[in-house]
Protein backbone atom coordinates (compact mmCIF):
# COMPACT_ATOMS: atom_id res chain seq x y z
CA MET A 1 38.44 -56.78 -13.07
CA GLU A 2 38.45 -58.30 -16.53
CA ALA A 3 39.03 -56.08 -19.57
CA SER A 4 35.54 -56.86 -20.92
CA GLU A 5 33.97 -55.55 -17.71
CA GLN A 6 36.07 -52.38 -17.94
CA ARG A 7 34.86 -51.85 -21.53
CA GLY A 8 31.31 -52.18 -20.28
CA ARG A 9 28.57 -54.67 -19.41
CA ILE A 10 25.82 -54.89 -22.02
CA LEU A 11 22.45 -56.62 -21.65
CA LEU A 12 21.08 -57.52 -25.07
CA ILE A 13 17.41 -58.49 -25.42
CA ASP A 14 16.22 -60.07 -28.66
CA ASP A 15 13.88 -63.04 -29.07
CA ASP A 16 15.66 -64.04 -32.28
CA ALA A 17 18.26 -66.45 -30.89
CA ALA A 18 20.35 -66.44 -34.06
CA LEU A 19 20.45 -62.66 -34.44
CA GLY A 20 20.97 -62.10 -30.74
CA GLY A 21 23.80 -64.60 -30.76
CA TYR A 22 25.43 -62.85 -33.73
CA LEU A 23 25.15 -59.38 -32.15
CA SER A 24 26.56 -60.77 -28.90
CA ARG A 25 29.53 -62.27 -30.68
CA VAL A 26 30.22 -58.99 -32.48
CA LEU A 27 30.03 -56.94 -29.29
CA ARG A 28 32.02 -59.46 -27.31
CA GLY A 29 34.61 -60.55 -29.86
CA ARG A 30 35.26 -57.37 -31.82
CA GLY A 31 34.11 -54.80 -29.28
CA GLY A 32 35.58 -56.37 -26.16
CA PHE A 33 32.38 -55.92 -24.11
CA ASP A 34 30.94 -58.23 -21.46
CA VAL A 35 27.63 -59.22 -23.09
CA THR A 36 24.63 -61.16 -21.80
CA HIS A 37 21.83 -62.13 -24.21
CA GLU A 38 18.26 -62.66 -22.98
CA LEU A 39 15.40 -63.84 -25.20
CA ASP A 40 12.50 -62.21 -23.37
CA SER A 41 11.86 -59.02 -21.46
CA VAL A 42 10.67 -60.63 -18.21
CA ALA A 43 13.95 -62.48 -17.72
CA ALA A 44 15.83 -59.35 -18.73
CA LEU A 45 14.00 -57.23 -16.17
CA GLN A 46 15.04 -59.68 -13.44
CA ARG A 47 18.67 -59.30 -14.54
CA ILE A 48 18.35 -55.52 -14.51
CA GLU A 49 16.96 -55.59 -10.98
CA ALA A 50 19.73 -57.88 -9.70
CA GLU A 51 22.84 -56.65 -11.54
CA GLN A 52 24.57 -53.50 -12.74
CA TRP A 53 24.81 -52.72 -16.45
CA ASP A 54 26.41 -50.05 -18.60
CA LEU A 55 24.07 -50.40 -21.60
CA LEU A 56 20.76 -52.02 -22.48
CA ILE A 57 20.07 -52.92 -26.12
CA THR A 58 16.52 -54.14 -26.67
CA ASP A 59 14.35 -55.17 -29.59
CA ILE A 60 10.83 -53.72 -29.70
CA GLU A 61 8.79 -56.85 -30.39
CA LEU A 62 9.41 -59.18 -27.46
CA PRO A 63 7.43 -61.90 -25.65
CA GLY A 64 6.08 -60.93 -22.23
CA MET A 65 6.16 -57.18 -22.79
CA THR A 66 7.34 -54.97 -25.63
CA GLY A 67 10.75 -53.36 -25.59
CA LEU A 68 9.14 -49.97 -25.03
CA GLU A 69 7.12 -51.27 -22.08
CA LEU A 70 10.34 -52.71 -20.72
CA LEU A 71 11.99 -49.33 -21.19
CA GLU A 72 9.34 -47.67 -19.01
CA ARG A 73 10.00 -50.21 -16.25
CA VAL A 74 13.75 -49.74 -16.58
CA ARG A 75 13.45 -45.97 -16.28
CA GLN A 76 11.69 -46.40 -12.92
CA GLN A 77 14.59 -48.46 -11.56
CA GLU A 78 17.63 -47.22 -13.51
CA PRO A 79 16.90 -43.70 -14.76
CA ASP A 80 20.44 -43.16 -16.02
CA LEU A 81 21.03 -46.51 -17.74
CA PRO A 82 21.73 -45.89 -21.46
CA VAL A 83 19.25 -47.73 -23.68
CA ALA A 84 19.29 -48.42 -27.41
CA VAL A 85 16.01 -49.55 -29.01
CA LEU A 86 16.65 -51.93 -31.93
CA THR A 87 14.02 -52.77 -34.55
CA GLY A 88 13.69 -54.02 -38.09
CA ASN A 89 10.46 -52.08 -38.64
CA PRO A 90 11.06 -48.47 -37.68
CA THR A 91 8.11 -46.10 -37.78
CA VAL A 92 7.59 -42.53 -36.68
CA ASP A 93 5.32 -43.70 -33.84
CA TYR A 94 7.93 -46.14 -32.56
CA ALA A 95 10.66 -43.51 -32.69
CA VAL A 96 8.59 -40.88 -30.89
CA THR A 97 7.54 -43.34 -28.18
CA ALA A 98 11.10 -44.51 -27.69
CA LEU A 99 12.43 -40.97 -27.38
CA ARG A 100 9.64 -39.95 -25.01
CA SER A 101 10.58 -42.94 -22.87
CA SER A 102 14.16 -41.60 -22.73
CA ALA A 103 15.73 -44.19 -25.00
CA ALA A 104 19.29 -43.08 -25.70
CA GLU A 105 19.29 -44.27 -29.29
CA PHE A 106 16.97 -45.73 -31.90
CA LEU A 107 18.77 -48.29 -34.12
CA GLN A 108 17.51 -49.97 -37.28
CA LYS A 109 18.17 -53.55 -38.31
CA PRO A 110 20.32 -54.53 -40.06
CA ILE A 111 23.17 -52.62 -38.44
CA SER A 112 26.80 -53.08 -39.39
CA ALA A 113 29.26 -54.44 -36.88
CA GLU A 114 31.26 -51.23 -37.02
CA ASP A 115 28.23 -49.02 -36.37
CA LEU A 116 27.02 -51.26 -33.53
CA ILE A 117 30.38 -51.22 -31.74
CA ALA A 118 30.80 -47.48 -32.25
CA LYS A 119 27.32 -46.71 -30.92
CA ALA A 120 27.72 -49.04 -27.93
CA THR A 121 31.05 -47.40 -27.06
CA GLU A 122 29.55 -43.92 -27.37
CA LEU A 123 26.51 -44.69 -25.21
CA ILE A 124 28.52 -46.42 -22.47
CA GLU A 125 31.02 -43.57 -22.24
CA ALA A 126 28.24 -40.98 -22.15
CA GLY A 127 26.39 -42.93 -19.48
CA ARG A 128 29.46 -43.16 -17.29
CA VAL A 129 30.10 -39.44 -17.57
CA ALA A 130 26.48 -38.67 -16.66
CA ARG A 131 26.51 -40.99 -13.66
CA ALA A 132 29.81 -39.62 -12.41
CA ALA A 133 28.48 -36.07 -12.63
CA GLY A 134 25.18 -36.54 -10.86
CA ARG A 135 25.16 -39.74 -8.80
CA GLU A 136 26.72 -41.10 -5.66
CA THR A 137 28.53 -44.39 -5.26
CA VAL A 138 27.68 -45.87 -1.89
CA LEU A 139 29.46 -48.62 0.05
CA ALA A 140 28.06 -50.04 3.30
CA ILE A 141 30.46 -52.20 5.34
CA GLY A 142 29.37 -54.63 8.05
CA ALA A 143 31.13 -57.30 10.08
CA HIS A 144 28.42 -59.97 9.80
CA PRO A 145 25.40 -60.85 7.66
CA ASP A 146 22.44 -58.59 8.59
CA ASP A 147 24.60 -55.86 10.24
CA VAL A 148 24.27 -53.44 7.32
CA GLU A 149 20.60 -54.27 6.77
CA ILE A 150 19.69 -53.55 10.40
CA GLY A 151 21.60 -50.29 10.51
CA ALA A 152 21.21 -48.78 7.06
CA ALA A 153 18.90 -50.75 4.72
CA GLY A 154 16.36 -47.93 4.55
CA THR A 155 19.03 -45.38 3.67
CA LEU A 156 20.53 -47.68 1.03
CA LEU A 157 17.07 -48.08 -0.50
CA ALA A 158 16.75 -44.29 -0.53
CA HIS A 159 20.06 -44.08 -2.37
CA ARG A 160 18.87 -46.63 -4.95
CA ALA A 161 15.61 -44.71 -5.41
CA ALA A 162 17.70 -41.60 -6.12
CA GLY A 163 19.62 -43.50 -8.80
CA ASP A 164 22.81 -44.02 -6.80
CA THR A 165 24.98 -47.12 -7.10
CA VAL A 166 25.02 -49.20 -3.91
CA ALA A 167 27.37 -51.96 -2.77
CA ILE A 168 27.54 -53.94 0.48
CA LEU A 169 30.72 -55.47 1.92
CA THR A 170 30.11 -58.12 4.59
CA LEU A 171 33.41 -59.18 6.12
CA SER A 172 32.40 -62.57 7.55
CA ARG A 173 29.84 -65.28 6.85
CA GLY A 174 28.56 -65.30 10.43
CA ALA A 175 29.64 -68.84 11.31
CA ARG A 176 28.91 -68.27 15.02
CA GLY A 177 25.31 -67.45 14.17
CA GLY A 178 24.44 -70.41 11.94
CA ASP A 179 25.31 -72.30 8.78
CA GLN A 180 27.67 -70.23 6.63
CA LEU A 181 26.18 -71.32 3.31
CA ARG A 182 22.65 -70.43 4.38
CA ARG A 183 23.76 -67.11 5.79
CA ALA A 184 25.63 -66.35 2.56
CA ARG A 185 22.45 -67.05 0.55
CA GLU A 186 20.45 -64.86 2.89
CA SER A 187 22.97 -62.03 2.43
CA GLN A 188 22.65 -62.28 -1.34
CA GLU A 189 18.85 -62.26 -1.14
CA ALA A 190 18.92 -59.18 1.09
CA ALA A 191 21.27 -57.41 -1.32
CA GLU A 192 18.90 -58.17 -4.18
CA VAL A 193 15.99 -56.67 -2.22
CA ILE A 194 18.01 -53.49 -1.73
CA GLY A 195 19.37 -53.48 -5.27
CA ALA A 196 22.96 -53.61 -4.07
CA ARG A 197 26.03 -55.43 -5.29
CA LEU A 198 27.29 -57.81 -2.57
CA PHE A 199 30.91 -58.44 -1.64
CA LEU A 200 30.98 -61.31 0.86
CA ASP A 201 34.32 -62.13 2.45
CA ASP A 202 35.24 -64.96 4.82
CA LEU A 203 37.04 -63.43 7.80
CA GLU A 204 36.67 -65.36 11.05
CA ASP A 205 33.51 -64.49 12.95
CA THR A 206 34.27 -62.94 16.39
CA HIS A 207 37.95 -62.61 15.41
CA ILE A 208 37.85 -59.81 12.84
CA ALA A 209 41.04 -57.80 13.30
CA GLU A 210 41.36 -54.03 13.17
CA GLY A 211 44.51 -54.34 11.06
CA SER A 212 45.57 -57.06 8.64
CA PRO A 213 43.86 -58.73 6.76
CA THR A 214 40.72 -56.63 7.34
CA ILE A 215 42.16 -53.40 5.97
CA ALA A 216 43.38 -55.21 2.85
CA VAL A 217 39.92 -56.69 2.22
CA ILE A 218 38.28 -53.27 2.53
CA ASP A 219 41.01 -51.62 0.44
CA ALA A 220 40.38 -54.05 -2.43
CA VAL A 221 36.64 -53.36 -2.50
CA ILE A 222 37.15 -49.60 -2.27
CA ALA A 223 39.56 -49.77 -5.20
CA GLU A 224 36.91 -51.55 -7.27
CA VAL A 225 33.81 -49.63 -6.17
CA GLN A 226 35.36 -46.14 -5.75
CA PRO A 227 32.73 -45.01 -3.22
CA THR A 228 31.86 -41.40 -2.55
CA ILE A 229 29.97 -42.34 0.64
CA VAL A 230 30.69 -45.10 3.18
CA TYR A 231 28.44 -46.38 5.97
CA THR A 232 29.83 -48.67 8.67
CA HIS A 233 29.81 -49.62 12.36
CA SER A 234 30.28 -47.17 15.22
CA ILE A 235 33.18 -47.37 17.66
CA ASN A 236 30.52 -47.08 20.37
CA ASP A 237 29.63 -50.76 20.33
CA VAL A 238 30.14 -53.67 22.73
CA HIS A 239 30.90 -56.21 19.95
CA GLN A 240 34.62 -56.45 19.23
CA ASP A 241 34.06 -57.27 15.53
CA HIS A 242 32.04 -54.10 15.12
CA ARG A 243 34.66 -51.92 16.82
CA ASN A 244 37.50 -53.46 14.85
CA THR A 245 35.58 -53.10 11.58
CA HIS A 246 35.11 -49.42 12.41
CA ARG A 247 38.83 -48.93 13.00
CA ALA A 248 39.80 -50.80 9.82
CA VAL A 249 37.29 -48.79 7.76
CA LEU A 250 38.73 -45.48 8.98
CA VAL A 251 42.16 -46.52 7.71
CA ALA A 252 40.95 -47.96 4.39
CA CYS A 253 38.54 -45.05 3.75
CA ARG A 254 40.99 -42.28 4.53
CA ARG A 255 40.42 -40.77 1.08
CA VAL A 256 36.61 -41.10 1.08
CA GLY A 257 34.97 -37.74 1.67
CA ARG A 258 31.90 -38.91 3.59
CA VAL A 259 31.91 -41.61 6.26
CA TYR A 260 28.94 -42.28 8.55
CA CYS A 261 28.30 -44.86 11.29
CA PHE A 262 25.02 -46.73 11.67
CA GLN A 263 23.50 -48.04 14.88
CA SER A 264 23.81 -51.74 15.68
CA PRO A 265 21.72 -53.59 18.27
CA SER A 266 24.91 -53.82 20.33
CA ALA A 267 25.60 -50.06 20.24
CA THR A 268 26.26 -48.45 23.62
CA VAL A 269 24.60 -45.41 25.19
CA ASP A 270 27.55 -43.40 23.87
CA TYR A 271 26.23 -43.78 20.31
CA ARG A 272 25.30 -40.18 19.47
CA PRO A 273 24.08 -39.57 15.93
CA THR A 274 23.80 -36.14 14.35
CA TYR A 275 22.80 -37.20 10.83
CA PHE A 276 19.34 -38.61 10.12
CA VAL A 277 17.69 -40.06 7.03
CA SER A 278 13.92 -40.38 6.71
CA ILE A 279 12.98 -43.87 5.51
CA ASP A 280 9.20 -43.50 5.43
CA ASP A 281 9.11 -44.64 1.80
CA HIS A 282 11.53 -47.50 2.42
CA LEU A 283 10.59 -49.01 5.77
CA SER A 284 8.72 -51.89 4.13
CA GLY A 285 11.75 -52.58 1.91
CA LYS A 286 14.01 -52.60 4.95
CA LEU A 287 11.74 -55.09 6.73
CA LYS A 288 11.70 -57.25 3.60
CA ALA A 289 15.51 -57.22 3.43
CA ILE A 290 15.81 -58.18 7.10
CA ASP A 291 13.19 -60.90 6.68
CA THR A 292 15.49 -62.70 4.25
CA PHE A 293 17.67 -63.67 7.22
CA ALA A 294 15.35 -66.51 8.13
CA THR A 295 17.95 -68.38 10.19
CA GLN A 296 18.22 -65.38 12.53
CA VAL A 297 14.75 -63.81 12.61
CA GLY A 298 13.33 -66.48 14.90
CA VAL A 299 16.19 -66.39 17.42
CA ARG A 300 17.29 -62.75 17.49
CA ASP A 301 14.90 -60.39 19.26
CA TYR A 302 16.50 -57.36 17.65
CA LEU A 303 15.28 -58.55 14.23
CA GLU A 304 11.61 -58.42 15.22
CA PRO A 305 9.73 -56.12 12.80
CA GLY A 306 8.06 -54.33 15.69
CA LEU A 307 11.38 -53.40 17.27
CA ILE A 308 12.89 -52.33 13.93
CA THR A 309 9.87 -50.14 13.28
CA SER A 310 9.69 -48.63 16.76
CA THR A 311 13.42 -47.84 16.73
CA ALA A 312 13.00 -45.98 13.43
CA ARG A 313 9.95 -44.23 14.89
CA TYR A 314 11.96 -43.07 17.91
CA TRP A 315 14.74 -41.53 15.82
CA SER A 316 12.21 -39.64 13.69
CA ARG A 317 11.94 -37.10 16.50
CA TYR A 318 15.30 -35.81 15.26
CA GLY A 319 15.14 -36.52 11.54
CA GLY A 320 11.58 -35.68 10.54
CA GLY A 321 8.95 -37.90 8.97
CA HIS A 322 7.68 -40.93 10.86
CA HIS A 323 10.62 -43.37 10.53
CA THR A 324 14.30 -42.46 10.46
CA GLU A 325 17.74 -44.09 10.50
CA PRO A 326 20.45 -42.36 12.58
CA PHE A 327 24.15 -41.98 11.80
CA GLU A 328 27.23 -40.63 13.54
CA VAL A 329 29.25 -38.37 11.28
CA ILE A 330 32.91 -39.30 11.02
CA ARG A 331 33.69 -37.17 8.00
CA ASP A 332 31.62 -35.00 5.68
CA ARG A 333 33.94 -33.05 3.42
CA ALA A 334 32.42 -33.54 -0.02
CA GLY A 335 32.03 -29.79 -0.40
CA SER A 336 30.36 -26.83 1.17
CA LEU A 337 26.94 -28.21 0.23
CA PRO A 338 27.25 -32.01 0.39
CA VAL A 339 24.70 -34.07 -1.49
CA ARG A 340 22.57 -36.11 0.91
CA PRO A 341 20.06 -38.92 0.46
CA VAL A 342 16.46 -37.83 0.02
CA GLY A 343 14.99 -36.93 3.40
CA ALA A 344 18.32 -36.52 5.20
CA SER A 345 19.01 -33.88 7.81
CA LEU A 346 22.11 -32.91 9.72
CA VAL A 347 21.70 -31.87 13.35
CA ILE A 348 24.49 -29.69 14.68
CA PRO A 349 24.95 -30.39 18.41
């Protein structure tokens, strides 16, 4: 990871190209931050939806929507993202509205380089502390494109709705199932639907090993993501890639407190979940994520929306609600009262 990313990723929104460019250079050159400058709020909102940021700095008067309107949208998606509202025309009304919208800071133009860097550093550090204290970091690991989405997309969407950070590691590009480039694009589109960061590796489809290099690939992502929860394949599966991924994950995730296994279409009758997550509010999002795999939807019966829905309906008899995703529990040692996704229940056999 580059030093600028470690210092923090900042999204700066200002329709003044010259001023925005100057502030970016200050934050990047003197502050050491990774900075992206957008001129309008609509483009910025798309970046917020697709990527992870440590700080948002926004002007108030913007084309498309005001900075305060943008802030309301951001709070719905990223409730813990630190935000600084920047304006050259501060008023009491603006300040009150910004604070009521949970803006972290209200800054007045012009601002000195020293004050800007100090405030950015303060907000990023405070945001990281807050996220570490109250949020989960989730990593879902699958052997092929669409594995994670079939087994756990609803749960990952529930995590995102709760404000958790979500990442997906797909170990291969699914060459046996179609064109690798198209399947890679589909994987990225699905990750964007979920709001997850995608790690896409290139291990050989149908020849994923349980040892090297699979463990090393997973180790590297775990070191970067630092997950508190991992979802992956079950050992109770007829596909060798799924079983070997499971074994490799158990080695690489030996220090992760919570590890759960999702159900794949190739799971055997020995798949016996005891942990269930209601996905009533996220079933449509799951179907949308799966629908991005256009090269597979028409040829794989298990991707049919009706089957996905009816499977979730079946498992709801154990998990409550009307649609549920099931998981086998490998390890759940986060504490005496582990934090679970909204709607989750643990069934003790």
